[in-house]
Amino acid sequence: SEAPSFYKGTFELNTLKNTYLDISGWGMGEVWVNNKYVGSYWEEEKQRSILISSENLVQGKNEVVVFEMKNNQQKTMKLSETPIFK
């Protein structure tokens, strides 16, 4: 689908610490983790990750919601311990 879309997923954490959401391959959108807004992204920017503060995370299951406006057909994101750039 070419239309803007919402995506929802979960990830598990045992230890709470600042982490980064790798948004490589995604077009343009916004991200919420555990119902808290954590940032936006655009494929034209050199940064390819969004910082998720440990304050926005919980031990166990965390929920991520993405509003993707360009729909590059990307369906997955990964966590990273360090920021990611082009």
N, C-alpha and C. Protein backbone atom coordinates (compact mmCIF):
# COMPACT_ATOMS: atom_id res chain seq x y z
N SER A 1 0.84 -1.19 0.00
CA SER A 1 0.00 0.00 0.00
C SER A 1 0.88 1.25 0.00
N GLU A 2 0.49 2.24 -0.76
CA GLU A 2 1.22 3.50 -0.83
C GLU A 2 0.77 4.48 0.25
N ALA A 3 -0.34 4.19 0.90
CA ALA A 3 -0.90 5.11 1.89
C ALA A 3 -0.08 5.12 3.17
N PRO A 4 -0.06 6.26 3.88
CA PRO A 4 0.57 6.28 5.20
C PRO A 4 -0.05 5.20 6.09
N SER A 5 0.78 4.60 6.95
CA SER A 5 0.30 3.48 7.75
C SER A 5 0.90 3.50 9.15
N PHE A 6 0.16 2.91 10.09
CA PHE A 6 0.67 2.68 11.44
C PHE A 6 1.16 1.24 11.53
N TYR A 7 2.26 1.03 12.24
CA TYR A 7 2.79 -0.30 12.51
C TYR A 7 3.00 -0.43 14.01
N LYS A 8 2.75 -1.61 14.55
CA LYS A 8 2.94 -1.83 15.98
C LYS A 8 3.73 -3.11 16.18
N GLY A 9 4.65 -3.07 17.14
CA GLY A 9 5.43 -4.25 17.47
C GLY A 9 5.88 -4.20 18.92
N THR A 10 6.56 -5.24 19.35
CA THR A 10 7.07 -5.29 20.71
C THR A 10 8.51 -5.77 20.72
N PHE A 11 9.19 -5.47 21.81
CA PHE A 11 10.53 -6.00 22.04
C PHE A 11 10.71 -6.19 23.54
N GLU A 12 11.55 -7.15 23.90
CA GLU A 12 11.78 -7.49 25.30
C GLU A 12 13.12 -6.94 25.76
N LEU A 13 13.16 -6.42 26.99
CA LEU A 13 14.40 -5.94 27.59
C LEU A 13 14.55 -6.52 29.00
N ASN A 14 15.75 -6.94 29.32
CA ASN A 14 16.05 -7.39 30.67
C ASN A 14 16.69 -6.28 31.49
N THR A 15 17.44 -5.40 30.82
CA THR A 15 18.17 -4.32 31.48
C THR A 15 17.71 -2.98 30.91
N LEU A 16 17.43 -2.03 31.78
CA LEU A 16 17.01 -0.71 31.33
C LEU A 16 18.22 0.19 31.14
N LYS A 17 18.43 0.62 29.91
CA LYS A 17 19.49 1.58 29.59
C LYS A 17 19.10 2.29 28.31
N ASN A 18 19.68 3.47 28.09
CA ASN A 18 19.41 4.18 26.84
C ASN A 18 19.75 3.26 25.67
N THR A 19 18.89 3.26 24.67
CA THR A 19 19.12 2.44 23.49
C THR A 19 18.67 3.22 22.27
N TYR A 20 19.01 2.73 21.10
CA TYR A 20 18.66 3.40 19.85
C TYR A 20 17.81 2.47 18.99
N LEU A 21 16.83 3.06 18.33
CA LEU A 21 16.00 2.32 17.39
C LEU A 21 16.55 2.58 15.99
N ASP A 22 17.01 1.53 15.33
CA ASP A 22 17.58 1.62 13.98
C ASP A 22 16.44 1.74 12.98
N ILE A 23 16.34 2.90 12.32
CA ILE A 23 15.24 3.15 11.37
C ILE A 23 15.74 3.09 9.92
N SER A 24 16.86 2.42 9.69
CA SER A 24 17.40 2.28 8.33
C SER A 24 16.35 1.65 7.42
N GLY A 25 16.18 2.23 6.24
CA GLY A 25 15.24 1.69 5.27
C GLY A 25 13.84 2.26 5.36
N TRP A 26 13.53 2.94 6.45
CA TRP A 26 12.22 3.56 6.59
C TRP A 26 12.25 4.93 5.93
N GLY A 27 11.11 5.45 5.50
CA GLY A 27 11.05 6.69 4.74
C GLY A 27 10.96 7.95 5.58
N MET A 28 9.77 8.20 6.13
CA MET A 28 9.54 9.39 6.93
C MET A 28 8.41 9.08 7.89
N GLY A 29 8.62 9.37 9.17
CA GLY A 29 7.56 9.07 10.12
C GLY A 29 7.88 9.48 11.53
N GLU A 30 7.06 8.97 12.44
CA GLU A 30 7.17 9.27 13.86
C GLU A 30 7.07 7.98 14.66
N VAL A 31 7.68 8.00 15.88
CA VAL A 31 7.77 6.78 16.68
C VAL A 31 7.36 7.05 18.13
N TRP A 32 6.59 6.11 18.69
CA TRP A 32 6.21 6.12 20.10
C TRP A 32 6.65 4.80 20.72
N VAL A 33 7.16 4.86 21.94
CA VAL A 33 7.50 3.65 22.69
C VAL A 33 6.76 3.72 24.02
N ASN A 34 6.01 2.68 24.30
CA ASN A 34 5.20 2.62 25.53
C ASN A 34 4.34 3.88 25.70
N ASN A 35 3.70 4.27 24.61
CA ASN A 35 2.78 5.42 24.57
C ASN A 35 3.46 6.76 24.79
N LYS A 36 4.79 6.82 24.66
CA LYS A 36 5.52 8.09 24.78
C LYS A 36 6.20 8.40 23.45
N TYR A 37 6.03 9.63 22.99
CA TYR A 37 6.65 10.04 21.73
C TYR A 37 8.16 10.09 21.91
N VAL A 38 8.91 9.40 21.03
CA VAL A 38 10.37 9.38 21.15
C VAL A 38 11.08 10.07 19.99
N GLY A 39 10.39 10.34 18.88
CA GLY A 39 11.05 11.08 17.82
C GLY A 39 10.49 10.83 16.44
N SER A 40 11.09 11.55 15.49
CA SER A 40 10.69 11.41 14.09
C SER A 40 11.92 11.09 13.26
N TYR A 41 11.69 10.68 12.03
CA TYR A 41 12.80 10.35 11.14
C TYR A 41 12.42 10.72 9.71
N TRP A 42 13.45 10.90 8.90
CA TRP A 42 13.29 11.18 7.48
C TRP A 42 14.49 10.61 6.78
N GLU A 43 14.28 9.86 5.73
CA GLU A 43 15.38 9.17 5.04
C GLU A 43 16.44 10.11 4.49
N GLU A 44 16.13 11.39 4.32
CA GLU A 44 17.09 12.36 3.79
C GLU A 44 18.09 12.82 4.86
N GLU A 45 17.79 12.60 6.13
CA GLU A 45 18.71 13.00 7.20
C GLU A 45 19.81 11.96 7.33
N LYS A 46 20.97 12.38 7.87
CA LYS A 46 22.07 11.42 7.98
C LYS A 46 21.93 10.49 9.18
N GLN A 47 21.16 10.90 10.19
CA GLN A 47 20.97 10.02 11.34
C GLN A 47 19.97 8.92 10.99
N ARG A 48 20.31 7.70 11.32
CA ARG A 48 19.49 6.52 11.02
C ARG A 48 19.00 5.83 12.28
N SER A 49 18.93 6.58 13.38
CA SER A 49 18.46 5.98 14.63
C SER A 49 17.78 7.03 15.49
N ILE A 50 16.93 6.56 16.38
CA ILE A 50 16.23 7.43 17.32
C ILE A 50 16.59 6.97 18.73
N LEU A 51 17.01 7.91 19.57
CA LEU A 51 17.33 7.59 20.95
C LEU A 51 16.05 7.26 21.72
N ILE A 52 16.08 6.15 22.44
CA ILE A 52 14.99 5.81 23.37
C ILE A 52 15.60 5.86 24.76
N SER A 53 15.23 6.87 25.52
CA SER A 53 15.75 7.04 26.88
C SER A 53 15.29 5.89 27.76
N SER A 54 16.15 5.49 28.69
CA SER A 54 15.79 4.41 29.61
C SER A 54 14.53 4.74 30.40
N GLU A 55 14.24 6.03 30.58
CA GLU A 55 13.03 6.45 31.30
C GLU A 55 11.75 6.03 30.57
N ASN A 56 11.85 5.81 29.25
CA ASN A 56 10.69 5.42 28.45
C ASN A 56 10.57 3.91 28.27
N LEU A 57 11.45 3.15 28.91
CA LEU A 57 11.47 1.70 28.75
C LEU A 57 11.06 1.00 30.04
N VAL A 58 10.62 -0.24 29.90
CA VAL A 58 10.28 -1.07 31.06
C VAL A 58 10.98 -2.41 30.91
N GLN A 59 11.26 -3.06 32.05
CA GLN A 59 11.79 -4.41 31.97
C GLN A 59 10.69 -5.32 31.45
N GLY A 60 11.06 -6.23 30.56
CA GLY A 60 10.06 -7.10 29.95
C GLY A 60 9.61 -6.54 28.61
N LYS A 61 8.32 -6.63 28.36
CA LYS A 61 7.77 -6.29 27.04
C LYS A 61 7.54 -4.78 26.88
N ASN A 62 8.09 -4.23 25.80
CA ASN A 62 7.92 -2.83 25.43
C ASN A 62 7.19 -2.77 24.10
N GLU A 63 6.34 -1.77 23.93
CA GLU A 63 5.59 -1.62 22.69
C GLU A 63 6.11 -0.44 21.88
N VAL A 64 6.27 -0.64 20.58
CA VAL A 64 6.67 0.44 19.68
C VAL A 64 5.58 0.62 18.63
N VAL A 65 5.22 1.89 18.38
CA VAL A 65 4.26 2.23 17.34
C VAL A 65 4.94 3.20 16.39
N VAL A 66 4.82 2.92 15.10
CA VAL A 66 5.44 3.75 14.06
C VAL A 66 4.35 4.25 13.12
N PHE A 67 4.37 5.55 12.84
CA PHE A 67 3.52 6.12 11.80
C PHE A 67 4.43 6.43 10.62
N GLU A 68 4.36 5.62 9.58
CA GLU A 68 5.20 5.75 8.38
C GLU A 68 4.41 6.47 7.30
N MET A 69 4.94 7.60 6.83
CA MET A 69 4.22 8.42 5.85
C MET A 69 4.59 8.11 4.41
N LYS A 70 5.81 7.61 4.16
CA LYS A 70 6.24 7.37 2.77
C LYS A 70 6.03 5.93 2.33
N ASN A 71 6.00 5.02 3.27
CA ASN A 71 5.79 3.60 3.01
C ASN A 71 6.81 3.02 2.03
N ASN A 72 8.04 2.83 2.52
CA ASN A 72 9.12 2.23 1.74
C ASN A 72 9.08 0.71 1.77
N GLN A 73 7.97 0.14 2.20
CA GLN A 73 7.78 -1.32 2.29
C GLN A 73 8.65 -1.96 3.37
N GLN A 74 9.22 -1.16 4.25
CA GLN A 74 10.01 -1.69 5.36
C GLN A 74 9.06 -2.17 6.45
N LYS A 75 9.38 -3.29 7.08
CA LYS A 75 8.48 -3.85 8.10
C LYS A 75 9.16 -4.11 9.44
N THR A 76 10.49 -4.00 9.52
CA THR A 76 11.17 -4.31 10.77
C THR A 76 12.12 -3.18 11.17
N MET A 77 12.38 -3.11 12.47
CA MET A 77 13.37 -2.21 13.05
C MET A 77 14.20 -3.03 14.02
N LYS A 78 15.43 -2.57 14.29
CA LYS A 78 16.30 -3.25 15.24
C LYS A 78 16.71 -2.27 16.32
N LEU A 79 17.13 -2.80 17.46
CA LEU A 79 17.70 -1.98 18.52
C LEU A 79 19.21 -1.95 18.36
N SER A 80 19.82 -0.84 18.79
CA SER A 80 21.27 -0.69 18.72
C SER A 80 21.75 -0.02 20.01
N GLU A 81 22.96 -0.36 20.43
CA GLU A 81 23.52 0.27 21.63
C GLU A 81 24.16 1.61 21.31
N THR A 82 24.41 1.88 20.02
CA THR A 82 25.05 3.13 19.60
C THR A 82 24.22 3.78 18.50
N PRO A 83 24.36 5.10 18.32
CA PRO A 83 23.63 5.77 17.24
C PRO A 83 24.13 5.29 15.88
N ILE A 84 23.27 5.37 14.89
CA ILE A 84 23.59 4.92 13.53
C ILE A 84 23.45 6.10 12.58
N PHE A 85 24.44 6.26 11.69
CA PHE A 85 24.43 7.33 10.70
C PHE A 85 24.65 6.74 9.32
N LYS A 86 24.25 7.50 8.28
CA LYS A 86 24.47 7.08 6.88
C LYS A 86 25.94 6.88 6.64
